[in-house]
Structure formats: structure tokens, C-alpha cells
Amino acid sequence: MSKPKTIALQTIKKAGTELLKIYNSGKFTSKYKSKHQLVTSADLIADKIISKAIKKHFPDHAILSEETGRSKNKSDYIWVIDPLDGTTNFFMHNPLFCISVALVHKEKIILGIIYAPAVNELYIAEPGKGATLNGKKIKVSNRKQIKDALLTYCHGTGLGSWKKAIKLYNYYKLRASFIRQLGSAALELGYVAAARTDSIIIPGAHSWDAAAGVLIVREAGGKVTDFQNREWTIKSRDMVASNEKIHKDLLKTLKRL
């Protein structure tokens, strides 16, 4: 096991244990960073645990975190972190929240880990090695038609992405088997990889929500692009991740909405 993977796993599990302790106790503070965007003391505690470990073991690496932004140092290596994805779920005592950590080298994602401590699920992927859930290989679904598909969606901040998400819901609610917003984009990417759902669509996708899950979906045999069918990178704004079989149909619809 590589040193980055070893340190990341140790650190994520440590942060997850702390999150679960706070979640079960219900003892945390919260405030709004912006309209509809909560942050809790748990987000900040998990961020501190993860960032501190990275700075200790990889002092030359850069960090991009949802809570603290991008570090000032320049490096070919950047850790992309969401210390608590699904903050609103956490706040309302819904167990669908997770930690998302990716390591990116020259814009290529070389490690992706998602850990959902309340449901004890750990997703891991490295290039060319496949994707696993709790140590078992996972593969995307085989559904080929939108009418049979199980879709989820999320959105970034800002009115434009909210309006796009509403259009997506209105369109696919009448045409897919179901479409839902589960409240944790990273975990929903894990669900695509594990064949629990067939796609997630995210207008205004943030790299910290998505980077780890992108690699996990791809290594599970899925496809991840922006809305113009360009390969998704941490600089991309929109995202559609799918089992690949329904990807073309999803993109056609996204061009019309």
C-alpha cells in the first residue's frame, strides 16, 4: 500500500470516528456560510484532522478544502477534501453523510476515498486497480434505458445551478424510474459505482464534492464528463456520472434543458 493511501485511510477513519461521535451526541454548533449552505463545528473539526495529517506527512503538497480553500503553496500534488459532505443531512440526523478525499497529480486523480461512518461504508479507487466498497470489488449497473433508470441529482451554490437542478427533476420525474436528491454528492457517486443507482447529475459541481467519487465511478466501469461530454477534471463546473450505457441519452437531454 502506498504511503499516501495508508496515511489517507488512517486519517479519514480518525476523522470519521470523531464525526460519528459528534453525530451521535448531537453536540455541535452550526451557521450558514451562505444561503442554503450550512457549516457545523463538525465540518471544521474533521477538516482540521485531515489537513493537519496531510501537512505533517506531505508538507510540499497543496490542499484544496471546502472549508479552508486552497493552500498557498504550489505543487503538482493537490489533496482535494470535503471533510463533511452532506452537512445538512448530518444536521438533521440523517446518516447519509461522508468524508471525501482525493489526491490529484497534474490534474489526474490518482487516489479517491469516500468514507460514510454512520453506515460504515468505505469506497476506494486507484487508477487501473478497480473500485472497492468495504474491500469488495464493485461495478456500475447494466441498465440501458432512462425509463428504467434510478437517477439522483445535486447542485452547486448559486441560482443558476438551482434552476438547472429543478429542471432536471421536473423532466426526469416523469421519465425515469425515479430521481431523488439524497443530499451527499460524494456518497451518491459511490452509489453509482456500486450499481445502487445509474447516474448522478450535478449542475455547478464542486471539485471537493466530486473528485474522489469521479475516480471511483470510472474504476467501477462508469463514465464521468461535464455537460458537453468533455472528460471531467477538477476544473470542470458541471458533471454527469453514469453507468456509461445511459450517458449519451442523459447528455442529449441536458443540452435541451
Protein backbone atom coordinates (compact mmCIF):
# COMPACT_ATOMS: atom_id res chain seq x y z
CA MET A 1 0.00 0.00 0.00
CA SER A 2 1.38 3.42 -0.95
CA LYS A 3 2.18 5.95 1.74
CA PRO A 4 -0.46 8.47 0.56
CA LYS A 5 -3.14 5.78 0.61
CA THR A 6 -2.05 4.49 4.04
CA ILE A 7 -1.98 7.95 5.61
CA ALA A 8 -5.25 8.94 3.94
CA LEU A 9 -7.07 5.86 5.21
CA GLN A 10 -5.76 6.27 8.74
CA THR A 11 -6.69 9.94 8.78
CA ILE A 12 -10.13 9.54 7.21
CA LYS A 13 -11.06 6.84 9.71
CA LYS A 14 -9.87 9.04 12.56
CA ALA A 15 -11.95 11.96 11.27
CA GLY A 16 -14.90 9.62 10.68
CA THR A 17 -14.76 8.36 14.25
CA GLU A 18 -14.85 11.94 15.50
CA LEU A 19 -17.76 12.83 13.20
CA LEU A 20 -19.73 9.81 14.35
CA LYS A 21 -19.12 10.70 17.99
CA ILE A 22 -20.45 14.23 17.39
CA TYR A 23 -23.34 12.94 15.28
CA ASN A 24 -24.46 10.51 18.00
CA SER A 25 -24.13 13.09 20.77
CA GLY A 26 -25.87 15.85 18.83
CA LYS A 27 -23.47 18.35 20.39
CA PHE A 28 -22.33 20.70 17.66
CA THR A 29 -22.85 24.28 16.56
CA SER A 30 -23.96 25.45 13.13
CA LYS A 31 -24.30 28.55 11.00
CA TYR A 32 -24.97 29.49 7.38
CA LYS A 33 -21.96 30.22 5.18
CA SER A 34 -24.35 31.45 2.50
CA LYS A 35 -27.98 30.98 1.55
CA HIS A 36 -28.94 27.28 1.93
CA GLN A 37 -25.33 26.35 2.82
CA LEU A 38 -24.74 25.15 6.37
CA VAL A 39 -21.44 24.62 8.11
CA THR A 40 -21.14 22.95 11.52
CA SER A 41 -18.40 22.70 14.09
CA ALA A 42 -18.11 19.04 13.00
CA ASP A 43 -17.09 20.12 9.46
CA LEU A 44 -14.29 22.22 10.91
CA ILE A 45 -13.08 19.55 13.33
CA ALA A 46 -12.86 16.93 10.57
CA ASP A 47 -11.13 19.42 8.28
CA LYS A 48 -8.51 20.16 10.93
CA ILE A 49 -7.80 16.46 11.50
CA ILE A 50 -7.33 15.74 7.79
CA SER A 51 -5.41 18.91 6.89
CA LYS A 52 -3.06 18.53 9.86
CA ALA A 53 -2.14 14.97 8.82
CA ILE A 54 -1.51 15.96 5.21
CA LYS A 55 0.69 18.90 6.22
CA LYS A 56 2.66 16.64 8.57
CA HIS A 57 3.28 13.77 6.15
CA PHE A 58 3.26 15.64 2.82
CA PRO A 59 4.40 19.20 3.60
CA ASP A 60 5.12 20.00 -0.05
CA HIS A 61 1.64 19.01 -1.25
CA ALA A 62 -1.12 21.56 -1.80
CA ILE A 63 -4.57 21.24 -0.23
CA LEU A 64 -7.97 22.30 -1.56
CA SER A 65 -10.67 22.01 1.09
CA GLU A 66 -14.27 23.12 1.05
CA GLU A 67 -13.88 24.74 4.45
CA THR A 68 -10.46 26.40 4.20
CA GLY A 69 -9.97 26.90 0.46
CA ARG A 70 -6.70 26.27 -1.34
CA SER A 71 -3.34 26.40 0.41
CA LYS A 72 -0.83 28.97 -0.82
CA ASN A 73 1.93 26.53 -1.74
CA LYS A 74 2.28 25.38 -5.33
CA SER A 75 2.69 21.69 -6.06
CA ASP A 76 1.99 19.10 -8.74
CA TYR A 77 0.17 17.21 -5.98
CA ILE A 78 -3.06 18.52 -4.51
CA TRP A 79 -5.33 16.93 -1.93
CA VAL A 80 -8.98 17.73 -2.61
CA ILE A 81 -11.05 17.43 0.55
CA ASP A 82 -14.62 17.66 1.70
CA PRO A 83 -14.38 16.88 5.42
CA LEU A 84 -18.15 16.51 5.76
CA ASP A 85 -20.16 16.11 2.58
CA GLY A 86 -23.86 16.10 3.40
CA THR A 87 -23.73 18.69 6.17
CA THR A 88 -27.48 19.27 6.08
CA ASN A 89 -28.09 15.53 6.40
CA PHE A 90 -25.71 15.49 9.38
CA PHE A 91 -27.51 18.47 10.88
CA MET A 92 -30.94 16.78 10.62
CA HIS A 93 -29.53 13.46 11.91
CA ASN A 94 -29.73 11.70 8.56
CA PRO A 95 -26.90 9.12 8.26
CA LEU A 96 -26.17 9.84 4.59
CA PHE A 97 -23.04 11.95 5.05
CA CYS A 98 -19.41 11.20 4.33
CA ILE A 99 -15.81 12.32 4.09
CA SER A 100 -14.38 12.69 0.58
CA VAL A 101 -10.63 12.82 -0.06
CA ALA A 102 -8.83 12.69 -3.42
CA LEU A 103 -5.19 13.06 -4.37
CA VAL A 104 -4.60 14.73 -7.73
CA HIS A 105 -1.28 14.79 -9.61
CA LYS A 106 -1.04 17.22 -12.52
CA GLU A 107 -4.86 17.23 -12.82
CA LYS A 108 -5.03 13.41 -12.86
CA ILE A 109 -6.89 11.86 -9.92
CA ILE A 110 -4.61 9.15 -8.51
CA LEU A 111 -6.48 8.26 -5.31
CA GLY A 112 -10.12 8.51 -4.31
CA ILE A 113 -11.58 7.62 -0.91
CA ILE A 114 -15.10 8.15 0.41
CA TYR A 115 -15.98 7.14 3.96
CA ALA A 116 -19.52 7.20 5.34
CA PRO A 117 -19.04 6.49 9.07
CA ALA A 118 -22.70 6.32 10.12
CA VAL A 119 -23.36 3.46 7.68
CA ASN A 120 -19.80 2.07 7.85
CA GLU A 121 -19.06 2.22 4.12
CA LEU A 122 -15.60 2.81 2.68
CA TYR A 123 -15.14 3.32 -1.06
CA ILE A 124 -11.61 3.29 -2.50
CA ALA A 125 -10.16 3.58 -6.01
CA GLU A 126 -6.76 3.95 -7.65
CA PRO A 127 -6.10 4.15 -11.41
CA GLY A 128 -6.10 0.73 -13.05
CA LYS A 129 -6.92 -1.13 -9.84
CA GLY A 130 -10.71 -1.03 -9.88
CA ALA A 131 -13.01 0.28 -7.16
CA THR A 132 -13.98 -1.34 -3.88
CA LEU A 133 -16.65 -0.96 -1.22
CA ASN A 134 -15.53 -2.30 2.16
CA GLY A 135 -12.83 -4.29 0.39
CA LYS A 136 -15.07 -5.90 -2.25
CA LYS A 137 -14.89 -5.02 -5.95
CA ILE A 138 -17.81 -3.00 -7.26
CA LYS A 139 -19.14 -2.40 -10.78
CA VAL A 140 -21.68 0.02 -12.21
CA SER A 141 -25.16 -1.12 -13.23
CA ASN A 142 -26.26 -2.55 -16.59
CA ARG A 143 -29.49 -0.61 -17.09
CA LYS A 144 -29.68 0.69 -20.64
CA GLN A 145 -32.82 2.83 -20.75
CA ILE A 146 -33.76 6.03 -18.96
CA LYS A 147 -37.28 4.73 -18.28
CA ASP A 148 -35.75 2.02 -16.07
CA ALA A 149 -33.04 4.20 -14.56
CA LEU A 150 -32.53 5.17 -10.94
CA LEU A 151 -31.21 8.73 -11.02
CA THR A 152 -30.00 11.19 -8.43
CA TYR A 153 -29.06 14.82 -8.70
CA CYS A 154 -27.34 17.53 -6.72
CA HIS A 155 -26.31 21.13 -7.37
CA GLY A 156 -23.68 23.68 -6.50
CA THR A 157 -24.25 27.09 -4.98
CA GLY A 158 -25.93 29.87 -6.89
CA LEU A 159 -29.24 30.49 -8.57
CA GLY A 160 -28.18 29.12 -11.96
CA SER A 161 -27.34 25.65 -10.66
CA TRP A 162 -30.51 25.58 -8.51
CA LYS A 163 -32.71 26.37 -11.53
CA LYS A 164 -30.94 23.74 -13.63
CA ALA A 165 -31.46 21.15 -10.90
CA ILE A 166 -35.18 21.96 -10.72
CA LYS A 167 -35.47 21.49 -14.49
CA LEU A 168 -33.68 18.15 -14.22
CA TYR A 169 -36.05 16.96 -11.52
CA ASN A 170 -39.16 18.08 -13.44
CA TYR A 171 -38.01 16.36 -16.62
CA TYR A 172 -36.81 13.04 -15.21
CA LYS A 173 -39.53 12.66 -12.59
CA LEU A 174 -41.90 11.90 -15.49
CA ARG A 175 -39.47 9.78 -17.50
CA ALA A 176 -37.14 7.78 -15.23
CA SER A 177 -37.91 5.06 -12.72
CA PHE A 178 -37.09 7.64 -10.05
CA ILE A 179 -34.98 10.74 -9.48
CA ARG A 180 -34.00 11.88 -6.00
CA GLN A 181 -31.67 14.26 -4.22
CA LEU A 182 -30.01 12.31 -1.42
CA GLY A 183 -28.00 15.23 -0.10
CA SER A 184 -24.41 13.98 -0.40
CA ALA A 185 -22.91 14.22 -3.88
CA ALA A 186 -19.80 12.23 -2.95
CA LEU A 187 -21.81 9.38 -1.49
CA GLU A 188 -24.15 9.42 -4.48
CA LEU A 189 -21.14 8.95 -6.76
CA GLY A 190 -20.30 5.92 -4.65
CA TYR A 191 -23.84 4.68 -5.21
CA VAL A 192 -23.38 4.92 -8.99
CA ALA A 193 -20.13 2.94 -8.71
CA ALA A 194 -21.84 0.28 -6.58
CA ALA A 195 -24.80 -0.07 -9.01
CA ARG A 196 -27.29 1.21 -6.44
CA THR A 197 -28.18 4.00 -8.84
CA ASP A 198 -27.43 4.57 -12.52
CA SER A 199 -26.40 8.22 -12.62
CA ILE A 200 -25.91 11.44 -10.72
CA ILE A 201 -26.18 14.82 -12.44
CA ILE A 202 -24.67 17.91 -10.80
CA PRO A 203 -25.01 21.44 -12.21
CA GLY A 204 -22.29 23.56 -10.62
CA ALA A 205 -20.33 20.60 -9.23
CA HIS A 206 -17.60 21.46 -6.73
CA SER A 207 -14.30 19.60 -7.04
CA TRP A 208 -14.16 18.78 -3.31
CA ASP A 209 -17.55 17.04 -3.52
CA ALA A 210 -16.73 15.11 -6.64
CA ALA A 211 -13.04 14.37 -7.19
CA ALA A 212 -12.81 11.16 -5.14
CA GLY A 213 -16.11 9.84 -6.48
CA VAL A 214 -15.12 10.52 -10.08
CA LEU A 215 -12.22 8.08 -9.87
CA ILE A 216 -14.35 5.55 -8.02
CA VAL A 217 -17.05 5.62 -10.71
CA ARG A 218 -14.52 5.38 -13.53
CA GLU A 219 -12.70 2.47 -11.90
CA ALA A 220 -16.06 0.73 -11.44
CA GLY A 221 -16.62 0.91 -15.21
CA GLY A 222 -18.68 4.09 -15.35
CA LYS A 223 -18.30 7.34 -17.26
CA VAL A 224 -17.91 10.89 -15.91
CA THR A 225 -17.97 14.02 -18.07
CA ASP A 226 -19.16 17.59 -17.99
CA PHE A 227 -22.42 18.51 -19.74
CA GLN A 228 -20.53 18.95 -23.06
CA ASN A 229 -19.17 15.37 -22.88
CA ARG A 230 -15.66 16.52 -22.06
CA GLU A 231 -13.75 14.40 -19.57
CA TRP A 232 -14.38 15.73 -16.07
CA THR A 233 -11.44 17.36 -14.27
CA ILE A 234 -11.22 19.32 -11.03
CA LYS A 235 -11.58 22.49 -13.13
CA SER A 236 -14.93 21.38 -14.60
CA ARG A 237 -18.12 23.05 -13.43
CA ASP A 238 -20.91 20.61 -14.33
CA MET A 239 -20.94 16.84 -14.01
CA VAL A 240 -22.83 13.81 -15.18
CA ALA A 241 -21.64 10.42 -13.91
CA SER A 242 -23.32 7.26 -15.10
CA ASN A 243 -23.04 3.55 -15.83
CA GLU A 244 -21.99 4.68 -19.35
CA LYS A 245 -24.90 2.88 -21.05
CA ILE A 246 -27.32 5.79 -20.48
CA HIS A 247 -24.70 8.54 -20.72
CA LYS A 248 -25.42 9.59 -24.30
CA ASP A 249 -29.16 9.91 -23.62
CA LEU A 250 -28.51 11.98 -20.49
CA LEU A 251 -26.26 14.37 -22.40
CA LYS A 252 -28.88 14.84 -25.15
CA THR A 253 -31.43 15.87 -22.55
CA LEU A 254 -29.01 18.19 -20.75
CA LYS A 255 -28.42 20.10 -23.98
CA ARG A 256 -32.16 20.78 -24.26
CA LEU A 257 -32.88 21.83 -20.69
